[in-house]
Amino acid sequence: MSEGLVLLSTAPTEDEARSLAQALVEAGLAACVNLVPGVRSIYRWKGKLCEDGEVLLVIKSTEARREALIERLGALHSYECPEAIALPIVAGSADYLEWLHTTTGGVL
């Protein structure tokens, strides 16, 4: 069985975040995406210190879908360099993890 993962990303607006989430779930690349509005990001971009409001996407998927998920996210995203940080799921409820793998086309 491929391992589960959580991929973190951000979007500039709730509309874009919702659009990204729907596309990823519809394509079977993510089982679920949580949208967390009200995130404040402080970062350096092209030599400048920046601060922006963003929406955090918490994307649940599998290791088997990771590369395709990151590629599709990048293709759909408005940012030149969208965040895509994958974290392994090291444990979880058996029922949830089974649903996660089944929803993304994984094999248990």
Protein backbone atom coordinates (compact mmCIF):
# COMPACT_ATOMS: atom_id res chain seq x y z
CA MET A 1 0.00 0.00 0.00
CA SER A 2 1.29 3.44 -0.80
CA GLU A 3 1.63 5.75 2.18
CA GLY A 4 -0.71 8.63 2.84
CA LEU A 5 0.50 12.21 2.75
CA VAL A 6 -0.59 15.73 3.50
CA LEU A 7 0.45 18.37 1.00
CA LEU A 8 0.43 22.01 2.09
CA SER A 9 -0.07 24.86 -0.34
CA THR A 10 -1.45 28.39 -0.30
CA ALA A 11 -3.57 30.45 -2.67
CA PRO A 12 -4.14 34.21 -2.86
CA THR A 13 -7.96 34.05 -2.64
CA GLU A 14 -10.72 31.75 -1.43
CA ASP A 15 -12.07 31.49 -4.98
CA GLU A 16 -8.75 30.23 -6.33
CA ALA A 17 -8.27 27.89 -3.37
CA ARG A 18 -11.76 26.43 -3.93
CA SER A 19 -11.10 26.02 -7.65
CA LEU A 20 -7.79 24.26 -7.00
CA ALA A 21 -9.35 21.99 -4.38
CA GLN A 22 -12.24 21.00 -6.63
CA ALA A 23 -9.93 20.26 -9.57
CA LEU A 24 -7.60 18.10 -7.47
CA VAL A 25 -10.43 16.11 -5.89
CA GLU A 26 -12.30 15.70 -9.19
CA ALA A 27 -9.11 14.38 -10.83
CA GLY A 28 -8.65 11.80 -8.05
CA LEU A 29 -5.32 13.35 -7.05
CA ALA A 30 -6.63 14.29 -3.60
CA ALA A 31 -9.21 12.63 -1.39
CA CYS A 32 -9.96 15.83 0.52
CA VAL A 33 -8.76 19.42 0.68
CA ASN A 34 -9.36 21.65 3.69
CA LEU A 35 -9.38 25.39 3.04
CA VAL A 36 -8.14 27.53 5.92
CA PRO A 37 -8.78 31.24 5.23
CA GLY A 38 -7.13 34.09 7.08
CA VAL A 39 -3.53 32.90 6.86
CA ARG A 40 -0.95 35.70 6.95
CA SER A 41 2.30 34.91 5.13
CA ILE A 42 5.54 36.83 5.54
CA TYR A 43 8.21 35.81 3.06
CA ARG A 44 11.05 37.00 0.87
CA TRP A 45 10.38 37.04 -2.89
CA LYS A 46 12.83 38.31 -5.49
CA GLY A 47 14.83 40.15 -2.84
CA LYS A 48 11.85 41.91 -1.25
CA LEU A 49 10.18 41.28 2.09
CA CYS A 50 6.48 40.62 1.45
CA GLU A 51 3.38 40.11 3.56
CA ASP A 52 0.09 38.83 2.15
CA GLY A 53 -3.18 37.30 3.19
CA GLU A 54 -3.62 33.80 1.82
CA VAL A 55 -5.76 30.68 2.08
CA LEU A 56 -4.00 27.51 3.26
CA LEU A 57 -4.84 24.31 1.41
CA VAL A 58 -4.40 21.12 3.45
CA ILE A 59 -4.47 18.44 0.77
CA LYS A 60 -4.82 14.75 1.72
CA SER A 61 -3.52 12.25 -0.81
CA THR A 62 -1.12 9.34 -1.20
CA GLU A 63 2.55 8.95 -2.02
CA ALA A 64 1.51 7.22 -5.25
CA ARG A 65 -0.26 10.44 -6.35
CA ARG A 66 2.38 12.89 -5.07
CA GLU A 67 4.20 13.70 -8.31
CA ALA A 68 1.02 14.04 -10.38
CA LEU A 69 -0.59 16.11 -7.61
CA ILE A 70 2.32 18.57 -7.43
CA GLU A 71 2.49 18.81 -11.21
CA ARG A 72 -1.25 19.50 -11.56
CA LEU A 73 -1.23 22.00 -8.70
CA GLY A 74 1.60 23.89 -10.41
CA ALA A 75 -0.18 23.87 -13.76
CA LEU A 76 -3.42 25.28 -12.28
CA HIS A 77 -1.97 27.74 -9.78
CA SER A 78 -1.66 31.48 -10.41
CA TYR A 79 1.60 31.77 -8.47
CA GLU A 80 4.90 31.62 -10.33
CA CYS A 81 6.28 29.36 -7.58
CA PRO A 82 3.40 27.75 -5.65
CA GLU A 83 4.08 26.13 -2.29
CA ALA A 84 3.92 22.34 -2.39
CA ILE A 85 5.26 20.71 0.77
CA ALA A 86 4.48 17.01 1.26
CA LEU A 87 4.42 15.52 4.75
CA PRO A 88 4.00 11.79 5.35
CA ILE A 89 1.05 10.51 7.34
CA VAL A 90 2.75 8.24 9.87
CA ALA A 91 -0.44 7.05 11.55
CA GLY A 92 -4.20 7.48 11.41
CA SER A 93 -7.47 5.67 11.83
CA ALA A 94 -7.65 2.55 9.68
CA ASP A 95 -11.05 3.52 8.27
CA TYR A 96 -9.86 7.01 7.26
CA LEU A 97 -6.66 5.73 5.65
CA GLU A 98 -8.63 3.07 3.75
CA TRP A 99 -10.99 5.79 2.47
CA LEU A 100 -8.02 7.98 1.53
CA HIS A 101 -6.44 5.21 -0.56
CA THR A 102 -9.71 4.09 -2.13
CA THR A 103 -10.71 7.65 -3.07
CA THR A 104 -7.41 8.34 -4.81
CA GLY A 105 -7.44 5.03 -6.68
CA GLY A 106 -4.88 3.38 -4.41
CA VAL A 107 -4.69 -0.27 -3.60
CA LEU A 108 -4.68 -1.47 -0.01
